[in-house]
Amino acid sequence: MPVPSPDKPVYRFAPSPNGNLHLGHALSAFLNHDLARGAGGRFLLRIEDIDTARCTPEFEARIYRDLAWLGLEWENPVRRQSEHFTFYAAALGRLNEIGLIYPAFMTRGEVKARVAALEAMGGVWPRDPDGSPLYPEDDRHRSETERRTLIEKGLRHAFRLDMHKALEQVNRPLFWTETGDGRKGSIEADPAAWGDVILSRSDAASSYHLSVTVDDAAQGITHVVRGLDLFAATSVHRLLQALLDLPEPCYHHHRLVLGADGRKLSKSEGSTGLAALRSQGLGPDAIRRLVGL
């Protein structure tokens, strides 16, 4: 589908309440807020708490406090992923109806052992853009009877996208419009590089890829502004948008705020946490300067 008209843009900041916000989050929140305000658009806050085991109300409360301290204002009510499991299940059901997903039974340990065995013999296991091994093809080729038997036995499983069938279903090149700090212009998506991505697990109703795609469409997001670490993942999101007939936002992947070691900041690094910086007497203007704004 065509890129939405930017005359009434809608931006969103979508943190996960599984740790404290840090300077990297501040940069992304500032950019979304400022771009929305500068264009006369809307700024939304979304709480991505699909991982109910790690996300807590305490961390969610800290998100609201930190963003308010930064001087940001957002629309209410806030969308919380944990309140929309049915939306993700419906999207997964649509993909299942057209035969594009399958139950995957191999554990992470089994995959790791398979990869290690091949590499020990000098082989090269294909990996996704994040460096993780692609999922083996075994489960993709199981018969429906075998799949039902394993599920009836109670074997834990996830649901993965059959990438080969999905690309055949779309049957055209996919692109996105990029305005960020890296490559700009019309970017050709390469979802095949990710292999059979996971869309749902036994301990999570939806994967990041599926939920963020569904949420952006449900909220009418026209401009997705997020870190460059998610640039490659956009290929998967464009594929899901095409499969589910969802609108295509514009994308802006911004530079990352790096730690002293040159790596992306982690929520476990207290020194760059917004609460820690606030306790040191810093204010919102100082935070803006620290993130280069």
C-alpha atoms as a PDB file:
ATOM      1  CA  MET A   1       0.000   0.000   0.000  1.00  0.00           C
ATOM      2  CA  PRO A   2       1.189   3.599  -0.572  1.00  0.00           C
ATOM      3  CA  VAL A   3       2.926   5.655   2.074  1.00  0.00           C
ATOM      4  CA  PRO A   4       0.332   7.640   4.093  1.00  0.00           C
ATOM      5  CA  SER A   5       0.020  11.340   3.420  1.00  0.00           C
ATOM      6  CA  PRO A   6       2.134  13.294   5.923  1.00  0.00           C
ATOM      7  CA  ASP A   7      -0.369  16.201   6.234  1.00  0.00           C
ATOM      8  CA  LYS A   8      -1.622  14.825   9.567  1.00  0.00           C
ATOM      9  CA  PRO A   9       1.286  12.753  10.837  1.00  0.00           C
ATOM     10  CA  VAL A  10       1.037  10.384  13.767  1.00  0.00           C
ATOM     11  CA  TYR A  11       4.193   9.463  15.696  1.00  0.00           C
ATOM     12  CA  ARG A  12       4.675   7.057  18.583  1.00  0.00           C
ATOM     13  CA  PHE A  13       7.193   6.200  21.268  1.00  0.00           C
ATOM     14  CA  ALA A  14       6.895   2.541  22.270  1.00  0.00           C
ATOM     15  CA  PRO A  15       9.078   1.443  25.216  1.00  0.00           C
ATOM     16  CA  SER A  16       8.914  -1.895  27.032  1.00  0.00           C
ATOM     17  CA  PRO A  17       8.447  -1.764  30.827  1.00  0.00           C
ATOM     18  CA  ASN A  18      11.160  -4.313  31.560  1.00  0.00           C
ATOM     19  CA  GLY A  19      13.765  -1.892  32.886  1.00  0.00           C
ATOM     20  CA  ASN A  20      14.561   1.769  33.408  1.00  0.00           C
ATOM     21  CA  LEU A  21      14.631   4.225  30.515  1.00  0.00           C
ATOM     22  CA  HIS A  22      18.089   5.504  29.552  1.00  0.00           C
ATOM     23  CA  LEU A  23      19.566   8.174  27.287  1.00  0.00           C
ATOM     24  CA  GLY A  24      18.874   6.130  24.160  1.00  0.00           C
ATOM     25  CA  HIS A  25      15.185   6.090  25.013  1.00  0.00           C
ATOM     26  CA  ALA A  26      15.308   9.821  25.696  1.00  0.00           C
ATOM     27  CA  LEU A  27      16.678  10.508  22.206  1.00  0.00           C
ATOM     28  CA  SER A  28      13.932   8.460  20.551  1.00  0.00           C
ATOM     29  CA  ALA A  29      11.188   9.976  22.704  1.00  0.00           C
ATOM     30  CA  PHE A  30      12.423  13.531  22.067  1.00  0.00           C
ATOM     31  CA  LEU A  31      12.621  12.965  18.310  1.00  0.00           C
ATOM     32  CA  ASN A  32       9.121  11.496  18.060  1.00  0.00           C
ATOM     33  CA  HIS A  33       7.645  14.214  20.267  1.00  0.00           C
ATOM     34  CA  ASP A  34       9.439  17.091  18.534  1.00  0.00           C
ATOM     35  CA  LEU A  35       8.745  15.880  15.005  1.00  0.00           C
ATOM     36  CA  ALA A  36       5.065  15.410  15.810  1.00  0.00           C
ATOM     37  CA  ARG A  37       4.756  18.850  17.368  1.00  0.00           C
ATOM     38  CA  GLY A  38       6.749  20.512  14.593  1.00  0.00           C
ATOM     39  CA  ALA A  39       4.435  19.044  11.958  1.00  0.00           C
ATOM     40  CA  GLY A  40       1.234  19.774  13.847  1.00  0.00           C
ATOM     41  CA  GLY A  41       0.676  16.046  14.292  1.00  0.00           C
ATOM     42  CA  ARG A  42      -0.043  13.639  17.124  1.00  0.00           C
ATOM     43  CA  PHE A  43       2.348  12.017  19.587  1.00  0.00           C
ATOM     44  CA  LEU A  44       1.258   8.662  21.031  1.00  0.00           C
ATOM     45  CA  LEU A  45       2.745   6.526  23.770  1.00  0.00           C
ATOM     46  CA  ARG A  46       2.522   2.747  23.514  1.00  0.00           C
ATOM     47  CA  ILE A  47       3.559   0.345  26.258  1.00  0.00           C
ATOM     48  CA  GLU A  48       5.002  -2.796  24.649  1.00  0.00           C
ATOM     49  CA  ASP A  49       4.394  -5.227  27.486  1.00  0.00           C
ATOM     50  CA  ILE A  50       3.727  -8.338  25.443  1.00  0.00           C
ATOM     51  CA  ASP A  51       6.386 -10.137  27.534  1.00  0.00           C
ATOM     52  CA  THR A  52       4.314 -10.425  30.684  1.00  0.00           C
ATOM     53  CA  ALA A  53       7.046 -12.360  32.495  1.00  0.00           C
ATOM     54  CA  ARG A  54       9.577  -9.493  32.375  1.00  0.00           C
ATOM     55  CA  CYS A  55       7.368  -6.408  32.179  1.00  0.00           C
ATOM     56  CA  THR A  56       6.076  -4.979  35.450  1.00  0.00           C
ATOM     57  CA  PRO A  57       3.683  -2.200  36.569  1.00  0.00           C
ATOM     58  CA  GLU A  58       6.559  -0.634  38.507  1.00  0.00           C
ATOM     59  CA  PHE A  59       8.667  -0.160  35.387  1.00  0.00           C
ATOM     60  CA  GLU A  60       5.619   1.120  33.505  1.00  0.00           C
ATOM     61  CA  ALA A  61       5.025   3.751  36.195  1.00  0.00           C
ATOM     62  CA  ARG A  62       8.663   4.822  35.886  1.00  0.00           C
ATOM     63  CA  ILE A  63       8.223   5.307  32.142  1.00  0.00           C
ATOM     64  CA  TYR A  64       5.383   7.770  32.719  1.00  0.00           C
ATOM     65  CA  ARG A  65       7.377   9.586  35.383  1.00  0.00           C
ATOM     66  CA  ASP A  66      10.535   9.848  33.278  1.00  0.00           C
ATOM     67  CA  LEU A  67       8.730  11.077  30.169  1.00  0.00           C
ATOM     68  CA  ALA A  68       6.752  13.656  32.126  1.00  0.00           C
ATOM     69  CA  TRP A  69      10.004  14.860  33.700  1.00  0.00           C
ATOM     70  CA  LEU A  70      11.445  15.307  30.202  1.00  0.00           C
ATOM     71  CA  GLY A  71       8.536  17.626  29.470  1.00  0.00           C
ATOM     72  CA  LEU A  72       6.782  15.349  26.993  1.00  0.00           C
ATOM     73  CA  GLU A  73       3.011  15.194  26.585  1.00  0.00           C
ATOM     74  CA  TRP A  74       1.137  12.338  24.949  1.00  0.00           C
ATOM     75  CA  GLU A  75      -2.434  11.383  24.184  1.00  0.00           C
ATOM     76  CA  ASN A  76      -4.500   9.209  26.472  1.00  0.00           C
ATOM     77  CA  PRO A  77      -5.449   6.462  26.776  1.00  0.00           C
ATOM     78  CA  VAL A  78      -2.081   4.808  26.323  1.00  0.00           C
ATOM     79  CA  ARG A  79      -2.165   1.607  24.259  1.00  0.00           C
ATOM     80  CA  ARG A  80      -0.862  -1.364  26.217  1.00  0.00           C
ATOM     81  CA  GLN A  81      -0.058  -4.501  24.251  1.00  0.00           C
ATOM     82  CA  SER A  82      -1.155  -6.810  27.065  1.00  0.00           C
ATOM     83  CA  GLU A  83      -4.714  -5.541  26.529  1.00  0.00           C
ATOM     84  CA  HIS A  84      -4.789  -6.478  22.846  1.00  0.00           C
ATOM     85  CA  PHE A  85      -3.845 -10.151  22.635  1.00  0.00           C
ATOM     86  CA  THR A  86      -6.981 -10.807  20.578  1.00  0.00           C
ATOM     87  CA  PHE A  87      -5.740  -8.435  17.856  1.00  0.00           C
ATOM     88  CA  TYR A  88      -2.497 -10.374  17.490  1.00  0.00           C
ATOM     89  CA  ALA A  89      -4.312 -13.704  17.578  1.00  0.00           C
ATOM     90  CA  ALA A  90      -6.585 -12.505  14.766  1.00  0.00           C
ATOM     91  CA  ALA A  91      -3.597 -11.507  12.638  1.00  0.00           C
ATOM     92  CA  LEU A  92      -1.933 -14.849  13.316  1.00  0.00           C
ATOM     93  CA  GLY A  93      -5.183 -16.566  12.370  1.00  0.00           C
ATOM     94  CA  ARG A  94      -5.287 -14.785   9.017  1.00  0.00           C
ATOM     95  CA  LEU A  95      -1.773 -15.944   8.234  1.00  0.00           C
ATOM     96  CA  ASN A  96      -2.710 -19.475   9.274  1.00  0.00           C
ATOM     97  CA  GLU A  97      -5.774 -19.477   7.031  1.00  0.00           C
ATOM     98  CA  ILE A  98      -3.593 -18.918   3.978  1.00  0.00           C
ATOM     99  CA  GLY A  99      -1.080 -21.538   5.084  1.00  0.00           C
ATOM    100  CA  LEU A 100       1.820 -19.253   5.945  1.00  0.00           C
ATOM    101  CA  ILE A 101       2.649 -20.345   9.488  1.00  0.00           C
ATOM    102  CA  TYR A 102       3.656 -23.626  11.071  1.00  0.00           C
ATOM    103  CA  PRO A 103       4.300 -24.963  14.591  1.00  0.00           C
ATOM    104  CA  ALA A 104       8.002 -25.120  15.446  1.00  0.00           C
ATOM    105  CA  PHE A 105       9.060 -27.566  18.148  1.00  0.00           C
ATOM    106  CA  MET A 106      12.837 -27.257  18.399  1.00  0.00           C
ATOM    107  CA  THR A 107      14.146 -25.636  21.587  1.00  0.00           C
ATOM    108  CA  ARG A 108      16.870 -23.008  21.611  1.00  0.00           C
ATOM    109  CA  GLY A 109      19.234 -25.602  23.031  1.00  0.00           C
ATOM    110  CA  GLU A 110      18.502 -28.003  20.190  1.00  0.00           C
ATOM    111  CA  VAL A 111      19.068 -25.309  17.593  1.00  0.00           C
ATOM    112  CA  LYS A 112      22.293 -24.250  19.294  1.00  0.00           C
ATOM    113  CA  ALA A 113      23.547 -27.847  19.308  1.00  0.00           C
ATOM    114  CA  ARG A 114      22.707 -28.277  15.623  1.00  0.00           C
ATOM    115  CA  VAL A 115      24.586 -25.115  14.723  1.00  0.00           C
ATOM    116  CA  ALA A 116      27.590 -26.029  16.877  1.00  0.00           C
ATOM    117  CA  ALA A 117      27.828 -29.494  15.300  1.00  0.00           C
ATOM    118  CA  LEU A 118      27.885 -28.087  11.779  1.00  0.00           C
ATOM    119  CA  GLU A 119      30.385 -25.361  12.594  1.00  0.00           C
ATOM    120  CA  ALA A 120      32.637 -27.858  14.383  1.00  0.00           C
ATOM    121  CA  MET A 121      32.941 -29.643  11.057  1.00  0.00           C
ATOM    122  CA  GLY A 122      33.864 -26.435   9.291  1.00  0.00           C
ATOM    123  CA  GLY A 123      30.394 -25.674   7.988  1.00  0.00           C
ATOM    124  CA  VAL A 124      28.755 -22.254   7.954  1.00  0.00           C
ATOM    125  CA  TRP A 125      25.262 -21.875   9.399  1.00  0.00           C
ATOM    126  CA  PRO A 126      23.276 -18.991   7.894  1.00  0.00           C
ATOM    127  CA  ARG A 127      22.509 -16.162  10.303  1.00  0.00           C
ATOM    128  CA  ASP A 128      20.061 -13.278  10.346  1.00  0.00           C
ATOM    129  CA  PRO A 129      21.085  -9.584  10.306  1.00  0.00           C
ATOM    130  CA  ASP A 130      21.333  -9.613  14.117  1.00  0.00           C
ATOM    131  CA  GLY A 131      23.755 -12.546  13.988  1.00  0.00           C
ATOM    132  CA  SER A 132      21.376 -15.219  15.277  1.00  0.00           C
ATOM    133  CA  PRO A 133      21.282 -18.601  13.495  1.00  0.00           C
ATOM    134  CA  LEU A 134      18.353 -19.100  11.146  1.00  0.00           C
ATOM    135  CA  TYR A 135      15.854 -21.696  12.331  1.00  0.00           C
ATOM    136  CA  PRO A 136      16.386 -25.193  10.841  1.00  0.00           C
ATOM    137  CA  GLU A 137      13.950 -26.362   8.162  1.00  0.00           C
ATOM    138  CA  ASP A 138      12.890 -29.596   9.910  1.00  0.00           C
ATOM    139  CA  ASP A 139       9.573 -28.368  11.292  1.00  0.00           C
ATOM    140  CA  ARG A 140       8.648 -26.532   8.117  1.00  0.00           C
ATOM    141  CA  HIS A 141       8.577 -29.856   6.245  1.00  0.00           C
ATOM    142  CA  ARG A 142       6.552 -31.904   8.762  1.00  0.00           C
ATOM    143  CA  SER A 143       3.218 -33.262   7.624  1.00  0.00           C
ATOM    144  CA  GLU A 144      -0.006 -31.911   9.137  1.00  0.00           C
ATOM    145  CA  THR A 145      -0.607 -35.286  10.747  1.00  0.00           C
ATOM    146  CA  GLU A 146       2.788 -35.241  12.438  1.00  0.00           C
ATOM    147  CA  ARG A 147       2.244 -31.684  13.636  1.00  0.00           C
ATOM    148  CA  ARG A 148      -1.128 -32.528  15.162  1.00  0.00           C
ATOM    149  CA  THR A 149       0.325 -35.585  16.868  1.00  0.00           C
ATOM    150  CA  LEU A 150       3.124 -33.579  18.479  1.00  0.00           C
ATOM    151  CA  ILE A 151       0.734 -30.845  19.629  1.00  0.00           C
ATOM    152  CA  GLU A 152      -1.693 -33.405  21.074  1.00  0.00           C
ATOM    153  CA  LYS A 153       1.205 -34.894  23.029  1.00  0.00           C
ATOM    154  CA  GLY A 154       1.631 -31.515  24.688  1.00  0.00           C
ATOM    155  CA  LEU A 155       4.951 -30.660  23.086  1.00  0.00           C
ATOM    156  CA  ARG A 156       5.680 -26.956  23.528  1.00  0.00           C
ATOM    157  CA  HIS A 157       5.867 -25.068  20.285  1.00  0.00           C
ATOM    158  CA  ALA A 158       6.038 -21.654  18.690  1.00  0.00           C
ATOM    159  CA  PHE A 159       4.496 -20.485  15.448  1.00  0.00           C
ATOM    160  CA  ARG A 160       6.849 -19.342  12.703  1.00  0.00           C
ATOM    161  CA  LEU A 161       6.297 -17.681   9.368  1.00  0.00           C
ATOM    162  CA  ASP A 162       7.085 -19.884   6.386  1.00  0.00           C
ATOM    163  CA  MET A 163       9.258 -17.289   4.681  1.00  0.00           C
ATOM    164  CA  HIS A 164       9.396 -19.097   1.338  1.00  0.00           C
ATOM    165  CA  LYS A 165       5.608 -19.342   1.079  1.00  0.00           C
ATOM    166  CA  ALA A 166       5.147 -15.779   2.357  1.00  0.00           C
ATOM    167  CA  LEU A 167       7.393 -14.350  -0.335  1.00  0.00           C
ATOM    168  CA  GLU A 168       5.586 -16.402  -2.958  1.00  0.00           C
ATOM    169  CA  GLN A 169       2.271 -15.034  -1.645  1.00  0.00           C
ATOM    170  CA  VAL A 170       3.413 -11.418  -2.010  1.00  0.00           C
ATOM    171  CA  ASN A 171       5.201 -12.116  -5.306  1.00  0.00           C
ATOM    172  CA  ARG A 172       6.692  -8.638  -5.701  1.00  0.00           C
ATOM    173  CA  PRO A 173       9.619  -6.614  -4.380  1.00  0.00           C
ATOM    174  CA  LEU A 174       8.901  -4.642  -1.218  1.00  0.00           C
ATOM    175  CA  PHE A 175      10.304  -1.223  -0.360  1.00  0.00           C
ATOM    176  CA  TRP A 176      10.044   1.378   2.362  1.00  0.00           C
ATOM    177  CA  THR A 177      10.634   5.122   2.478  1.00  0.00           C
ATOM    178  CA  GLU A 178      13.570   5.957   4.774  1.00  0.00           C
ATOM    179  CA  THR A 179      14.479   9.437   6.049  1.00  0.00           C
ATOM    180  CA  GLY A 180      16.838   8.507   8.889  1.00  0.00           C
ATOM    181  CA  ASP A 181      20.489   8.852   9.818  1.00  0.00           C
ATOM    182  CA  GLY A 182      21.771   5.991   7.663  1.00  0.00           C
ATOM    183  CA  ARG A 183      20.633   5.104   4.160  1.00  0.00           C
ATOM    184  CA  LYS A 184      17.893   7.345   2.806  1.00  0.00           C
ATOM    185  CA  GLY A 185      15.321   7.117   0.058  1.00  0.00           C
ATOM    186  CA  SER A 186      13.519   4.036  -1.203  1.00  0.00           C
ATOM    187  CA  ILE A 187      14.984   0.973   0.528  1.00  0.00           C
ATOM    188  CA  GLU A 188      14.372  -2.511  -0.850  1.00  0.00           C
ATOM    189  CA  ALA A 189      13.282  -4.909   1.869  1.00  0.00           C
ATOM    190  CA  ASP A 190      15.040  -8.254   2.312  1.00  0.00           C
ATOM    191  CA  PRO A 191      12.816 -10.313   4.617  1.00  0.00           C
ATOM    192  CA  ALA A 192      14.388 -13.582   3.441  1.00  0.00           C
ATOM    193  CA  ALA A 193      17.533 -12.639   5.360  1.00  0.00           C
ATOM    194  CA  TRP A 194      15.608 -13.332   8.585  1.00  0.00           C
ATOM    195  CA  GLY A 195      14.481 -16.844   7.709  1.00  0.00           C
ATOM    196  CA  ASP A 196      11.336 -18.266   9.301  1.00  0.00           C
ATOM    197  CA  VAL A 197      10.779 -15.579  11.935  1.00  0.00           C
ATOM    198  CA  ILE A 198       8.863 -16.399  15.081  1.00  0.00           C
ATOM    199  CA  LEU A 199       5.383 -14.857  15.362  1.00  0.00           C
ATOM    200  CA  SER A 200       4.074 -16.407  18.579  1.00  0.00           C
ATOM    201  CA  ARG A 201       5.432 -18.515  21.430  1.00  0.00           C
ATOM    202  CA  SER A 202       3.915 -20.593  24.171  1.00  0.00           C
ATOM    203  CA  ASP A 203       5.043 -17.974  26.708  1.00  0.00           C
ATOM    204  CA  ALA A 204       4.168 -14.899  24.606  1.00  0.00           C
ATOM    205  CA  ALA A 205       1.008 -14.337  22.607  1.00  0.00           C
ATOM    206  CA  SER A 206       2.839 -12.444  19.916  1.00  0.00           C
ATOM    207  CA  SER A 207       6.358 -11.666  18.789  1.00  0.00           C
ATOM    208  CA  TYR A 208       7.739  -8.158  18.500  1.00  0.00           C
ATOM    209  CA  HIS A 209       7.515  -8.344  14.703  1.00  0.00           C
ATOM    210  CA  LEU A 210       3.824  -9.218  14.656  1.00  0.00           C
ATOM    211  CA  SER A 211       2.625  -7.008  17.500  1.00  0.00           C
ATOM    212  CA  VAL A 212       4.447  -3.855  16.371  1.00  0.00           C
ATOM    213  CA  THR A 213       3.088  -4.253  12.850  1.00  0.00           C
ATOM    214  CA  VAL A 214      -0.474  -4.738  14.056  1.00  0.00           C
ATOM    215  CA  ASP A 215      -0.211  -1.915  16.594  1.00  0.00           C
ATOM    216  CA  ASP A 216       1.172   0.635  14.142  1.00  0.00           C
ATOM    217  CA  ALA A 217      -1.743  -0.049  11.812  1.00  0.00           C
ATOM    218  CA  ALA A 218      -4.328  -0.006  14.607  1.00  0.00           C
ATOM    219  CA  GLN A 219      -3.057   3.348  15.876  1.00  0.00           C
ATOM    220  CA  GLY A 220      -2.790   4.901  12.436  1.00  0.00           C
ATOM    221  CA  ILE A 221       0.935   5.518  12.780  1.00  0.00           C
ATOM    222  CA  THR A 222       2.203   7.380   9.717  1.00  0.00           C
ATOM    223  CA  HIS A 223       5.840   7.855  10.799  1.00  0.00           C
ATOM    224  CA  VAL A 224       7.885   5.240  12.651  1.00  0.00           C
ATOM    225  CA  VAL A 225      10.909   6.855  14.325  1.00  0.00           C
ATOM    226  CA  ARG A 226      13.203   4.371  16.085  1.00  0.00           C
ATOM    227  CA  GLY A 227      16.857   3.365  16.462  1.00  0.00           C
ATOM    228  CA  LEU A 228      19.122   2.165  13.675  1.00  0.00           C
ATOM    229  CA  ASP A 229      19.338  -1.206  15.431  1.00  0.00           C
ATOM    230  CA  LEU A 230      15.858  -1.911  14.033  1.00  0.00           C
ATOM    231  CA  PHE A 231      16.639  -0.842  10.459  1.00  0.00           C
ATOM    232  CA  ALA A 232      16.989  -4.399   9.114  1.00  0.00           C
ATOM    233  CA  ALA A 233      13.882  -5.595  10.993  1.00  0.00           C
ATOM    234  CA  THR A 234      11.803  -3.236   8.870  1.00  0.00           C
ATOM    235  CA  SER A 235      12.060  -5.822   6.079  1.00  0.00           C
ATOM    236  CA  VAL A 236       9.997  -8.254   8.146  1.00  0.00           C
ATOM    237  CA  HIS A 237       7.468  -5.563   9.041  1.00  0.00           C
ATOM    238  CA  ARG A 238       7.006  -4.603   5.410  1.00  0.00           C
ATOM    239  CA  LEU A 239       6.360  -8.247   4.549  1.00  0.00           C
ATOM    240  CA  LEU A 240       3.766  -8.600   7.305  1.00  0.00           C
ATOM    241  CA  GLN A 241       2.097  -5.369   6.196  1.00  0.00           C
ATOM    242  CA  ALA A 242       1.829  -6.740   2.676  1.00  0.00           C
ATOM    243  CA  LEU A 243       0.486 -10.107   3.845  1.00  0.00           C
ATOM    244  CA  LEU A 244      -2.088  -8.555   6.192  1.00  0.00           C
ATOM    245  CA  ASP A 245      -3.015  -5.696   3.841  1.00  0.00           C
ATOM    246  CA  LEU A 246      -1.932  -3.044   6.344  1.00  0.00           C
ATOM    247  CA  PRO A 247      -0.797   0.514   5.539  1.00  0.00           C
ATOM    248  CA  GLU A 248       2.870   1.346   5.091  1.00  0.00           C
ATOM    249  CA  PRO A 249       4.300   4.109   7.325  1.00  0.00           C
ATOM    250  CA  CYS A 250       7.336   6.237   6.549  1.00  0.00           C
ATOM    251  CA  TYR A 251      10.416   5.156   8.514  1.00  0.00           C
ATOM    252  CA  HIS A 252      13.143   7.175  10.188  1.00  0.00           C
ATOM    253  CA  HIS A 253      15.887   5.150  11.893  1.00  0.00           C
ATOM    254  CA  HIS A 254      17.993   7.426  14.055  1.00  0.00           C
ATOM    255  CA  ARG A 255      21.538   7.139  15.410  1.00  0.00           C
ATOM    256  CA  LEU A 256      22.077   5.248  18.643  1.00  0.00           C
ATOM    257  CA  VAL A 257      23.381   6.647  21.912  1.00  0.00           C
ATOM    258  CA  LEU A 258      26.425   4.538  22.730  1.00  0.00           C
ATOM    259  CA  GLY A 259      28.075   3.791  26.047  1.00  0.00           C
ATOM    260  CA  ALA A 260      31.719   4.276  26.974  1.00  0.00           C
ATOM    261  CA  ASP A 261      32.483   0.866  25.460  1.00  0.00           C
ATOM    262  CA  GLY A 262      31.038   1.916  22.108  1.00  0.00           C
ATOM    263  CA  ARG A 263      28.053  -0.377  22.421  1.00  0.00           C
ATOM    264  CA  LYS A 264      24.341   0.317  22.476  1.00  0.00           C
ATOM    265  CA  LEU A 265      23.116   1.314  25.924  1.00  0.00           C
ATOM    266  CA  SER A 266      21.491  -1.334  28.100  1.00  0.00           C
ATOM    267  CA  LYS A 267      18.726  -0.918  30.661  1.00  0.00           C
ATOM    268  CA  SER A 268      21.070  -2.529  33.179  1.00  0.00           C
ATOM    269  CA  GLU A 269      23.537   0.371  32.941  1.00  0.00           C
ATOM    270  CA  GLY A 270      22.423   2.565  35.794  1.00  0.00           C
ATOM    271  CA  SER A 271      24.744   5.473  35.052  1.00  0.00           C
ATOM    272  CA  THR A 272      22.841   6.364  31.879  1.00  0.00           C
ATOM    273  CA  GLY A 273      19.391   5.761  33.357  1.00  0.00           C
ATOM    274  CA  LEU A 274      17.114   8.791  33.363  1.00  0.00           C
ATOM    275  CA  ALA A 275      16.187   8.318  37.024  1.00  0.00           C
ATOM    276  CA  ALA A 276      19.877   8.223  37.997  1.00  0.00           C
ATOM    277  CA  LEU A 277      20.641  11.348  35.978  1.00  0.00           C
ATOM    278  CA  ARG A 278      17.659  13.127  37.505  1.00  0.00           C
ATOM    279  CA  SER A 279      18.902  12.269  40.990  1.00  0.00           C
ATOM    280  CA  GLN A 280      22.217  13.912  40.089  1.00  0.00           C
ATOM    281  CA  GLY A 281      20.418  17.189  39.519  1.00  0.00           C
ATOM    282  CA  LEU A 282      20.270  17.165  35.722  1.00  0.00           C
ATOM    283  CA  GLY A 283      17.237  18.642  34.000  1.00  0.00           C
ATOM    284  CA  PRO A 284      15.502  18.039  30.672  1.00  0.00           C
ATOM    285  CA  ASP A 285      17.659  20.587  28.834  1.00  0.00           C
ATOM    286  CA  ALA A 286      20.807  18.827  30.037  1.00  0.00           C
ATOM    287  CA  ILE A 287      19.421  15.504  28.829  1.00  0.00           C
ATOM    288  CA  ARG A 288      18.773  17.030  25.414  1.00  0.00           C
ATOM    289  CA  ARG A 289      22.377  18.161  25.238  1.00  0.00           C
ATOM    290  CA  LEU A 290      23.660  14.757  26.359  1.00  0.00           C
ATOM    291  CA  VAL A 291      21.842  13.065  23.469  1.00  0.00           C
ATOM    292  CA  GLY A 292      23.017  15.677  20.964  1.00  0.00           C
ATOM    293  CA  LEU A 293      19.843  17.683  20.508  1.00  0.00           C
END
